[in-house]
Amino acid sequence: MTATLAVKVTPKSGKDQVVGIVETDGLREVHLRVTAPPEGGKANKSVIKLLSKELGVPKTDIQVKRGDTSHHKMLELDCEQSLVDAWVASLD
């Protein structure tokens, strides 16, 4: 049981938060802002921590599969895709 989630991350923001849904090149992504800088994986760790709280899944169940150093990331979560889809739908 593996789910995927496309996110757009803005590091060095005022606070950690889920902004909403953005569409980039035809791909719908969840826009996240994190206070951590994009150095040494700090922003990625903040993204995982934020999503862990939002989705109620352990941090260890969330991994960056693609886009380690990019604003645009593909995450893999060890949970049902329906959980992720329902959460994303609630952001619309």
PDB file of N, CA and C in Angstrom:
ATOM      1  N   MET A   1       0.845  -1.172   0.000  1.00  0.00           N
ATOM      2  CA  MET A   1       0.000   0.000   0.000  1.00  0.00           C
ATOM      3  C   MET A   1       0.891   1.236   0.000  1.00  0.00           C
ATOM      4  N   THR A   2       0.979   1.844  -1.153  1.00  0.00           N
ATOM      5  CA  THR A   2       1.816   3.026  -1.322  1.00  0.00           C
ATOM      6  C   THR A   2       1.029   4.107  -2.033  1.00  0.00           C
ATOM      7  N   ALA A   3       1.124   5.313  -1.525  1.00  0.00           N
ATOM      8  CA  ALA A   3       0.450   6.459  -2.132  1.00  0.00           C
ATOM      9  C   ALA A   3       1.510   7.443  -2.613  1.00  0.00           C
ATOM     10  N   THR A   4       1.133   8.272  -3.574  1.00  0.00           N
ATOM     11  CA  THR A   4       2.034   9.318  -4.049  1.00  0.00           C
ATOM     12  C   THR A   4       1.346  10.673  -3.903  1.00  0.00           C
ATOM     13  N   LEU A   5       2.175  11.703  -3.780  1.00  0.00           N
ATOM     14  CA  LEU A   5       1.671  13.064  -3.633  1.00  0.00           C
ATOM     15  C   LEU A   5       2.675  14.023  -4.260  1.00  0.00           C
ATOM     16  N   ALA A   6       2.194  14.854  -5.173  1.00  0.00           N
ATOM     17  CA  ALA A   6       3.027  15.884  -5.793  1.00  0.00           C
ATOM     18  C   ALA A   6       2.899  17.163  -4.971  1.00  0.00           C
ATOM     19  N   VAL A   7       4.041  17.747  -4.614  1.00  0.00           N
ATOM     20  CA  VAL A   7       4.034  18.979  -3.832  1.00  0.00           C
ATOM     21  C   VAL A   7       4.955  20.021  -4.444  1.00  0.00           C
ATOM     22  N   LYS A   8       4.605  21.280  -4.207  1.00  0.00           N
ATOM     23  CA  LYS A   8       5.470  22.408  -4.546  1.00  0.00           C
ATOM     24  C   LYS A   8       5.838  23.048  -3.219  1.00  0.00           C
ATOM     25  N   VAL A   9       7.132  23.209  -2.973  1.00  0.00           N
ATOM     26  CA  VAL A   9       7.611  23.680  -1.679  1.00  0.00           C
ATOM     27  C   VAL A   9       8.253  25.060  -1.809  1.00  0.00           C
ATOM     28  N   THR A  10       7.861  25.966  -0.910  1.00  0.00           N
ATOM     29  CA  THR A  10       8.502  27.269  -0.796  1.00  0.00           C
ATOM     30  C   THR A  10       9.237  27.283   0.544  1.00  0.00           C
ATOM     31  N   PRO A  11      10.580  27.195   0.504  1.00  0.00           N
ATOM     32  CA  PRO A  11      11.357  27.208   1.752  1.00  0.00           C
ATOM     33  C   PRO A  11      11.546  28.635   2.273  1.00  0.00           C
ATOM     34  N   LYS A  12      12.079  28.737   3.484  1.00  0.00           N
ATOM     35  CA  LYS A  12      12.381  30.026   4.120  1.00  0.00           C
ATOM     36  C   LYS A  12      11.160  30.933   4.188  1.00  0.00           C
ATOM     37  N   SER A  13      10.008  30.355   4.512  1.00  0.00           N
ATOM     38  CA  SER A  13       8.773  31.120   4.667  1.00  0.00           C
ATOM     39  C   SER A  13       8.614  31.563   6.113  1.00  0.00           C
ATOM     40  N   GLY A  14       7.567  32.330   6.349  1.00  0.00           N
ATOM     41  CA  GLY A  14       7.299  32.815   7.702  1.00  0.00           C
ATOM     42  C   GLY A  14       6.838  31.729   8.647  1.00  0.00           C
ATOM     43  N   LYS A  15       6.134  30.724   8.128  1.00  0.00           N
ATOM     44  CA  LYS A  15       5.679  29.616   8.971  1.00  0.00           C
ATOM     45  C   LYS A  15       5.431  28.380   8.116  1.00  0.00           C
ATOM     46  N   ASP A  16       5.378  27.240   8.792  1.00  0.00           N
ATOM     47  CA  ASP A  16       5.075  25.981   8.102  1.00  0.00           C
ATOM     48  C   ASP A  16       3.571  25.918   7.890  1.00  0.00           C
ATOM     49  N   GLN A  17       3.151  25.766   6.629  1.00  0.00           N
ATOM     50  CA  GLN A  17       1.720  25.717   6.357  1.00  0.00           C
ATOM     51  C   GLN A  17       1.419  25.099   5.007  1.00  0.00           C
ATOM     52  N   VAL A  18       0.196  24.582   4.899  1.00  0.00           N
ATOM     53  CA  VAL A  18      -0.335  24.105   3.626  1.00  0.00           C
ATOM     54  C   VAL A  18      -1.075  25.284   3.016  1.00  0.00           C
ATOM     55  N   VAL A  19      -0.660  25.699   1.818  1.00  0.00           N
ATOM     56  CA  VAL A  19      -1.247  26.870   1.175  1.00  0.00           C
ATOM     57  C   VAL A  19      -2.497  26.486   0.397  1.00  0.00           C
ATOM     58  N   GLY A  20      -2.449  25.370  -0.331  1.00  0.00           N
ATOM     59  CA  GLY A  20      -3.576  24.930  -1.149  1.00  0.00           C
ATOM     60  C   GLY A  20      -3.087  24.162  -2.353  1.00  0.00           C
ATOM     61  N   ILE A  21      -3.886  24.184  -3.396  1.00  0.00           N
ATOM     62  CA  ILE A  21      -3.561  23.462  -4.627  1.00  0.00           C
ATOM     63  C   ILE A  21      -3.093  24.452  -5.685  1.00  0.00           C
ATOM     64  N   VAL A  22      -2.016  24.101  -6.379  1.00  0.00           N
ATOM     65  CA  VAL A  22      -1.536  24.886  -7.516  1.00  0.00           C
ATOM     66  C   VAL A  22      -1.424  23.959  -8.717  1.00  0.00           C
ATOM     67  N   GLU A  23      -1.543  24.538  -9.896  1.00  0.00           N
ATOM     68  CA  GLU A  23      -1.380  23.744 -11.108  1.00  0.00           C
ATOM     69  C   GLU A  23      -0.151  24.248 -11.842  1.00  0.00           C
ATOM     70  N   THR A  24       0.806  23.343 -12.080  1.00  0.00           N
ATOM     71  CA  THR A  24       2.050  23.681 -12.756  1.00  0.00           C
ATOM     72  C   THR A  24       2.233  22.737 -13.932  1.00  0.00           C
ATOM     73  N   ASP A  25       2.267  23.284 -15.119  1.00  0.00           N
ATOM     74  CA  ASP A  25       2.439  22.482 -16.342  1.00  0.00           C
ATOM     75  C   ASP A  25       1.452  21.317 -16.402  1.00  0.00           C
ATOM     76  N   GLY A  26       0.217  21.568 -16.021  1.00  0.00           N
ATOM     77  CA  GLY A  26      -0.826  20.547 -16.094  1.00  0.00           C
ATOM     78  C   GLY A  26      -0.831  19.561 -14.938  1.00  0.00           C
ATOM     79  N   LEU A  27       0.100  19.711 -13.988  1.00  0.00           N
ATOM     80  CA  LEU A  27       0.175  18.823 -12.829  1.00  0.00           C
ATOM     81  C   LEU A  27      -0.355  19.563 -11.605  1.00  0.00           C
ATOM     82  N   ARG A  28      -1.321  18.948 -10.922  1.00  0.00           N
ATOM     83  CA  ARG A  28      -1.849  19.532  -9.683  1.00  0.00           C
ATOM     84  C   ARG A  28      -0.931  19.146  -8.525  1.00  0.00           C
ATOM     85  N   GLU A  29      -0.498  20.162  -7.798  1.00  0.00           N
ATOM     86  CA  GLU A  29       0.402  19.943  -6.675  1.00  0.00           C
ATOM     87  C   GLU A  29      -0.156  20.621  -5.430  1.00  0.00           C
ATOM     88  N   VAL A  30       0.183  20.071  -4.277  1.00  0.00           N
ATOM     89  CA  VAL A  30      -0.146  20.715  -3.014  1.00  0.00           C
ATOM     90  C   VAL A  30       0.990  21.691  -2.723  1.00  0.00           C
ATOM     91  N   HIS A  31       0.631  22.970  -2.521  1.00  0.00           N
ATOM     92  CA  HIS A  31       1.640  23.991  -2.251  1.00  0.00           C
ATOM     93  C   HIS A  31       1.871  24.067  -0.746  1.00  0.00           C
ATOM     94  N   LEU A  32       3.129  23.881  -0.349  1.00  0.00           N
ATOM     95  CA  LEU A  32       3.524  23.924   1.057  1.00  0.00           C
ATOM     96  C   LEU A  32       4.550  25.028   1.265  1.00  0.00           C
ATOM     97  N   ARG A  33       4.474  25.665   2.421  1.00  0.00           N
ATOM     98  CA  ARG A  33       5.506  26.623   2.823  1.00  0.00           C
ATOM     99  C   ARG A  33       6.142  26.100   4.099  1.00  0.00           C
ATOM    100  N   VAL A  34       7.471  26.152   4.153  1.00  0.00           N
ATOM    101  CA  VAL A  34       8.194  25.727   5.350  1.00  0.00           C
ATOM    102  C   VAL A  34       9.216  26.791   5.732  1.00  0.00           C
ATOM    103  N   THR A  35       9.498  26.890   7.013  1.00  0.00           N
ATOM    104  CA  THR A  35      10.443  27.896   7.491  1.00  0.00           C
ATOM    105  C   THR A  35      11.894  27.500   7.256  1.00  0.00           C
ATOM    106  N   ALA A  36      12.141  26.217   7.113  1.00  0.00           N
ATOM    107  CA  ALA A  36      13.517  25.720   6.966  1.00  0.00           C
ATOM    108  C   ALA A  36      14.138  26.165   5.638  1.00  0.00           C
ATOM    109  N   PRO A  37      15.453  26.387   5.645  1.00  0.00           N
ATOM    110  CA  PRO A  37      16.148  26.727   4.402  1.00  0.00           C
ATOM    111  C   PRO A  37      16.376  25.469   3.549  1.00  0.00           C
ATOM    112  N   PRO A  38      16.563  25.672   2.251  1.00  0.00           N
ATOM    113  CA  PRO A  38      16.774  24.525   1.359  1.00  0.00           C
ATOM    114  C   PRO A  38      18.230  24.064   1.341  1.00  0.00           C
ATOM    115  N   GLU A  39      18.760  23.761   2.491  1.00  0.00           N
ATOM    116  CA  GLU A  39      20.153  23.322   2.559  1.00  0.00           C
ATOM    117  C   GLU A  39      20.266  22.099   3.454  1.00  0.00           C
ATOM    118  N   GLY A  40      21.022  21.140   3.015  1.00  0.00           N
ATOM    119  CA  GLY A  40      21.257  19.938   3.807  1.00  0.00           C
ATOM    120  C   GLY A  40      20.015  19.115   4.092  1.00  0.00           C
ATOM    121  N   GLY A  41      19.006  19.234   3.257  1.00  0.00           N
ATOM    122  CA  GLY A  41      17.791  18.438   3.443  1.00  0.00           C
ATOM    123  C   GLY A  41      16.856  18.965   4.521  1.00  0.00           C
ATOM    124  N   LYS A  42      17.143  20.164   5.058  1.00  0.00           N
ATOM    125  CA  LYS A  42      16.313  20.716   6.135  1.00  0.00           C
ATOM    126  C   LYS A  42      14.885  20.988   5.679  1.00  0.00           C
ATOM    127  N   ALA A  43      14.720  21.541   4.477  1.00  0.00           N
ATOM    128  CA  ALA A  43      13.372  21.827   3.979  1.00  0.00           C
ATOM    129  C   ALA A  43      12.602  20.523   3.752  1.00  0.00           C
ATOM    130  N   ASN A  44      13.273  19.505   3.233  1.00  0.00           N
ATOM    131  CA  ASN A  44      12.607  18.213   3.016  1.00  0.00           C
ATOM    132  C   ASN A  44      12.128  17.622   4.340  1.00  0.00           C
ATOM    133  N   LYS A  45      12.934  17.735   5.380  1.00  0.00           N
ATOM    134  CA  LYS A  45      12.537  17.227   6.696  1.00  0.00           C
ATOM    135  C   LYS A  45      11.328  17.985   7.220  1.00  0.00           C
ATOM    136  N   SER A  46      11.294  19.292   6.979  1.00  0.00           N
ATOM    137  CA  SER A  46      10.149  20.094   7.416  1.00  0.00           C
ATOM    138  C   SER A  46       8.884  19.725   6.652  1.00  0.00           C
ATOM    139  N   VAL A  47       9.028  19.446   5.361  1.00  0.00           N
ATOM    140  CA  VAL A  47       7.888  19.013   4.549  1.00  0.00           C
ATOM    141  C   VAL A  47       7.321  17.706   5.106  1.00  0.00           C
ATOM    142  N   ILE A  48       8.207  16.768   5.406  1.00  0.00           N
ATOM    143  CA  ILE A  48       7.773  15.472   5.934  1.00  0.00           C
ATOM    144  C   ILE A  48       7.082  15.648   7.290  1.00  0.00           C
ATOM    145  N   LYS A  49       7.633  16.497   8.139  1.00  0.00           N
ATOM    146  CA  LYS A  49       7.037  16.747   9.454  1.00  0.00           C
ATOM    147  C   LYS A  49       5.645  17.368   9.311  1.00  0.00           C
ATOM    148  N   LEU A  50       5.521  18.358   8.426  1.00  0.00           N
ATOM    149  CA  LEU A  50       4.235  19.024   8.204  1.00  0.00           C
ATOM    150  C   LEU A  50       3.188  18.051   7.674  1.00  0.00           C
ATOM    151  N   LEU A  51       3.556  17.265   6.677  1.00  0.00           N
ATOM    152  CA  LEU A  51       2.595  16.322   6.105  1.00  0.00           C
ATOM    153  C   LEU A  51       2.247  15.198   7.074  1.00  0.00           C
ATOM    154  N   SER A  52       3.193  14.815   7.911  1.00  0.00           N
ATOM    155  CA  SER A  52       2.925  13.800   8.920  1.00  0.00           C
ATOM    156  C   SER A  52       1.804  14.267   9.849  1.00  0.00           C
ATOM    157  N   LYS A  53       1.882  15.528  10.269  1.00  0.00           N
ATOM    158  CA  LYS A  53       0.838  16.098  11.128  1.00  0.00           C
ATOM    159  C   LYS A  53      -0.492  16.191  10.385  1.00  0.00           C
ATOM    160  N   GLU A  54      -0.445  16.695   9.174  1.00  0.00           N
ATOM    161  CA  GLU A  54      -1.670  16.909   8.390  1.00  0.00           C
ATOM    162  C   GLU A  54      -2.407  15.609   8.094  1.00  0.00           C
ATOM    163  N   LEU A  55      -1.656  14.576   7.738  1.00  0.00           N
ATOM    164  CA  LEU A  55      -2.263  13.309   7.308  1.00  0.00           C
ATOM    165  C   LEU A  55      -2.391  12.288   8.436  1.00  0.00           C
ATOM    166  N   GLY A  56      -1.722  12.539   9.544  1.00  0.00           N
ATOM    167  CA  GLY A  56      -1.786  11.601  10.660  1.00  0.00           C
ATOM    168  C   GLY A  56      -1.048  10.299  10.402  1.00  0.00           C
ATOM    169  N   VAL A  57       0.056  10.392   9.646  1.00  0.00           N
ATOM    170  CA  VAL A  57       0.887   9.208   9.399  1.00  0.00           C
ATOM    171  C   VAL A  57       2.271   9.469   9.984  1.00  0.00           C
ATOM    172  N   PRO A  58       2.982   8.425  10.389  1.00  0.00           N
ATOM    173  CA  PRO A  58       4.328   8.620  10.944  1.00  0.00           C
ATOM    174  C   PRO A  58       5.285   9.243   9.924  1.00  0.00           C
ATOM    175  N   LYS A  59       6.213  10.056  10.423  1.00  0.00           N
ATOM    176  CA  LYS A  59       7.201  10.679   9.533  1.00  0.00           C
ATOM    177  C   LYS A  59       7.992   9.639   8.755  1.00  0.00           C
ATOM    178  N   THR A  60       8.224   8.487   9.372  1.00  0.00           N
ATOM    179  CA  THR A  60       9.011   7.440   8.717  1.00  0.00           C
ATOM    180  C   THR A  60       8.272   6.827   7.525  1.00  0.00           C
ATOM    181  N   ASP A  61       6.968   7.094   7.413  1.00  0.00           N
ATOM    182  CA  ASP A  61       6.170   6.562   6.298  1.00  0.00           C
ATOM    183  C   ASP A  61       6.116   7.507   5.107  1.00  0.00           C
ATOM    184  N   ILE A  62       6.873   8.610   5.152  1.00  0.00           N
ATOM    185  CA  ILE A  62       6.880   9.593   4.061  1.00  0.00           C
ATOM    186  C   ILE A  62       8.309   9.753   3.557  1.00  0.00           C
ATOM    187  N   GLN A  63       8.480   9.634   2.237  1.00  0.00           N
ATOM    188  CA  GLN A  63       9.806   9.772   1.629  1.00  0.00           C
ATOM    189  C   GLN A  63       9.721  10.642   0.384  1.00  0.00           C
ATOM    190  N   VAL A  64      10.784  11.391   0.128  1.00  0.00           N
ATOM    191  CA  VAL A  64      10.897  12.145  -1.120  1.00  0.00           C
ATOM    192  C   VAL A  64      11.415  11.172  -2.174  1.00  0.00           C
ATOM    193  N   LYS A  65      10.582  10.864  -3.170  1.00  0.00           N
ATOM    194  CA  LYS A  65      10.983   9.924  -4.229  1.00  0.00           C
ATOM    195  C   LYS A  65      11.669  10.642  -5.381  1.00  0.00           C
ATOM    196  N   ARG A  66      11.252  11.890  -5.630  1.00  0.00           N
ATOM    197  CA  ARG A  66      11.822  12.640  -6.749  1.00  0.00           C
ATOM    198  C   ARG A  66      11.828  14.122  -6.380  1.00  0.00           C
ATOM    199  N   GLY A  67      12.901  14.813  -6.705  1.00  0.00           N
ATOM    200  CA  GLY A  67      12.955  16.247  -6.494  1.00  0.00           C
ATOM    201  C   GLY A  67      13.613  16.669  -5.188  1.00  0.00           C
ATOM    202  N   ASP A  68      14.595  15.898  -4.727  1.00  0.00           N
ATOM    203  CA  ASP A  68      15.282  16.226  -3.466  1.00  0.00           C
ATOM    204  C   ASP A  68      15.706  17.692  -3.378  1.00  0.00           C
ATOM    205  N   THR A  69      16.235  18.224  -4.472  1.00  0.00           N
ATOM    206  CA  THR A  69      16.747  19.600  -4.463  1.00  0.00           C
ATOM    207  C   THR A  69      15.887  20.558  -5.272  1.00  0.00           C
ATOM    208  N   SER A  70      14.683  20.149  -5.611  1.00  0.00           N
ATOM    209  CA  SER A  70      13.779  20.962  -6.422  1.00  0.00           C
ATOM    210  C   SER A  70      12.624  21.483  -5.571  1.00  0.00           C
ATOM    211  N   HIS A  71      11.991  22.548  -6.048  1.00  0.00           N
ATOM    212  CA  HIS A  71      10.763  23.041  -5.409  1.00  0.00           C
ATOM    213  C   HIS A  71       9.613  22.053  -5.655  1.00  0.00           C
ATOM    214  N   HIS A  72       9.694  21.334  -6.758  1.00  0.00           N
ATOM    215  CA  HIS A  72       8.651  20.384  -7.138  1.00  0.00           C
ATOM    216  C   HIS A  72       9.111  18.976  -6.745  1.00  0.00           C
ATOM    217  N   LYS A  73       8.331  18.336  -5.895  1.00  0.00           N
ATOM    218  CA  LYS A  73       8.719  17.026  -5.366  1.00  0.00           C
ATOM    219  C   LYS A  73       7.602  16.014  -5.555  1.00  0.00           C
ATOM    220  N   MET A  74       7.991  14.761  -5.672  1.00  0.00           N
ATOM    221  CA  MET A  74       7.036  13.656  -5.658  1.00  0.00           C
ATOM    222  C   MET A  74       7.338  12.856  -4.399  1.00  0.00           C
ATOM    223  N   LEU A  75       6.338  12.762  -3.546  1.00  0.00           N
ATOM    224  CA  LEU A  75       6.497  12.046  -2.291  1.00  0.00           C
ATOM    225  C   LEU A  75       5.829  10.685  -2.379  1.00  0.00           C
ATOM    226  N   GLU A  76       6.373   9.742  -1.638  1.00  0.00           N
ATOM    227  CA  GLU A  76       5.785   8.412  -1.536  1.00  0.00           C
ATOM    228  C   GLU A  76       5.418   8.213  -0.065  1.00  0.00           C
ATOM    229  N   LEU A  77       4.187   7.793   0.159  1.00  0.00           N
ATOM    230  CA  LEU A  77       3.685   7.609   1.515  1.00  0.00           C
ATOM    231  C   LEU A  77       3.247   6.167   1.709  1.00  0.00           C
ATOM    232  N   ASP A  78       3.564   5.633   2.855  1.00  0.00           N
ATOM    233  CA  ASP A  78       3.167   4.261   3.179  1.00  0.00           C
ATOM    234  C   ASP A  78       1.781   4.301   3.824  1.00  0.00           C
ATOM    235  N   CYS A  79       0.770   4.539   2.970  1.00  0.00           N
ATOM    236  CA  CYS A  79      -0.622   4.586   3.412  1.00  0.00           C
ATOM    237  C   CYS A  79      -1.505   4.387   2.181  1.00  0.00           C
ATOM    238  N   GLU A  80      -2.798   4.363   2.389  1.00  0.00           N
ATOM    239  CA  GLU A  80      -3.739   4.203   1.281  1.00  0.00           C
ATOM    240  C   GLU A  80      -3.812   5.480   0.450  1.00  0.00           C
ATOM    241  N   GLN A  81      -3.847   5.330  -0.873  1.00  0.00           N
ATOM    242  CA  GLN A  81      -3.970   6.489  -1.751  1.00  0.00           C
ATOM    243  C   GLN A  81      -5.271   7.243  -1.473  1.00  0.00           C
ATOM    244  N   SER A  82      -6.309   6.523  -1.066  1.00  0.00           N
ATOM    245  CA  SER A  82      -7.600   7.168  -0.788  1.00  0.00           C
ATOM    246  C   SER A  82      -7.488   8.171   0.363  1.00  0.00           C
ATOM    247  N   LEU A  83      -6.631   7.910   1.353  1.00  0.00           N
ATOM    248  CA  LEU A  83      -6.408   8.853   2.447  1.00  0.00           C
ATOM    249  C   LEU A  83      -5.811  10.147   1.909  1.00  0.00           C
ATOM    250  N   VAL A  84      -4.801  10.016   1.061  1.00  0.00           N
ATOM    251  CA  VAL A  84      -4.138  11.185   0.470  1.00  0.00           C
ATOM    252  C   VAL A  84      -5.105  11.932  -0.437  1.00  0.00           C
ATOM    253  N   ASP A  85      -5.837  11.215  -1.272  1.00  0.00           N
ATOM    254  CA  ASP A  85      -6.780  11.849  -2.198  1.00  0.00           C
ATOM    255  C   ASP A  85      -7.869  12.620  -1.460  1.00  0.00           C
ATOM    256  N   ALA A  86      -8.367  12.049  -0.364  1.00  0.00           N
ATOM    257  CA  ALA A  86      -9.418  12.722   0.420  1.00  0.00           C
ATOM    258  C   ALA A  86      -8.871  13.998   1.053  1.00  0.00           C
ATOM    259  N   TRP A  87      -7.629  13.945   1.546  1.00  0.00           N
ATOM    260  CA  TRP A  87      -7.018  15.131   2.135  1.00  0.00           C
ATOM    261  C   TRP A  87      -6.816  16.221   1.084  1.00  0.00           C
ATOM    262  N   VAL A  88      -6.317  15.830  -0.090  1.00  0.00           N
ATOM    263  CA  VAL A  88      -6.101  16.790  -1.174  1.00  0.00           C
ATOM    264  C   VAL A  88      -7.449  17.410  -1.595  1.00  0.00           C
ATOM    265  N   ALA A  89      -8.489  16.585  -1.700  1.00  0.00           N
ATOM    266  CA  ALA A  89      -9.817  17.077  -2.085  1.00  0.00           C
ATOM    267  C   ALA A  89     -10.329  18.100  -1.061  1.00  0.00           C
ATOM    268  N   SER A  90      -9.979  17.916   0.197  1.00  0.00           N
ATOM    269  CA  SER A  90     -10.435  18.847   1.241  1.00  0.00           C
ATOM    270  C   SER A  90      -9.765  20.214   1.111  1.00  0.00           C
ATOM    271  N   LEU A  91      -8.682  20.294   0.347  1.00  0.00           N
ATOM    272  CA  LEU A  91      -7.964  21.561   0.161  1.00  0.00           C
ATOM    273  C   LEU A  91      -8.570  22.420  -0.938  1.00  0.00           C
ATOM    274  N   ASP A  92      -9.356  21.800  -1.814  1.00  0.00           N
ATOM    275  CA  ASP A  92      -9.973  22.553  -2.940  1.00  0.00           C
ATOM    276  C   ASP A  92     -10.987  23.555  -2.461  1.00  0.00           C
TER     277      ASP A  92
END
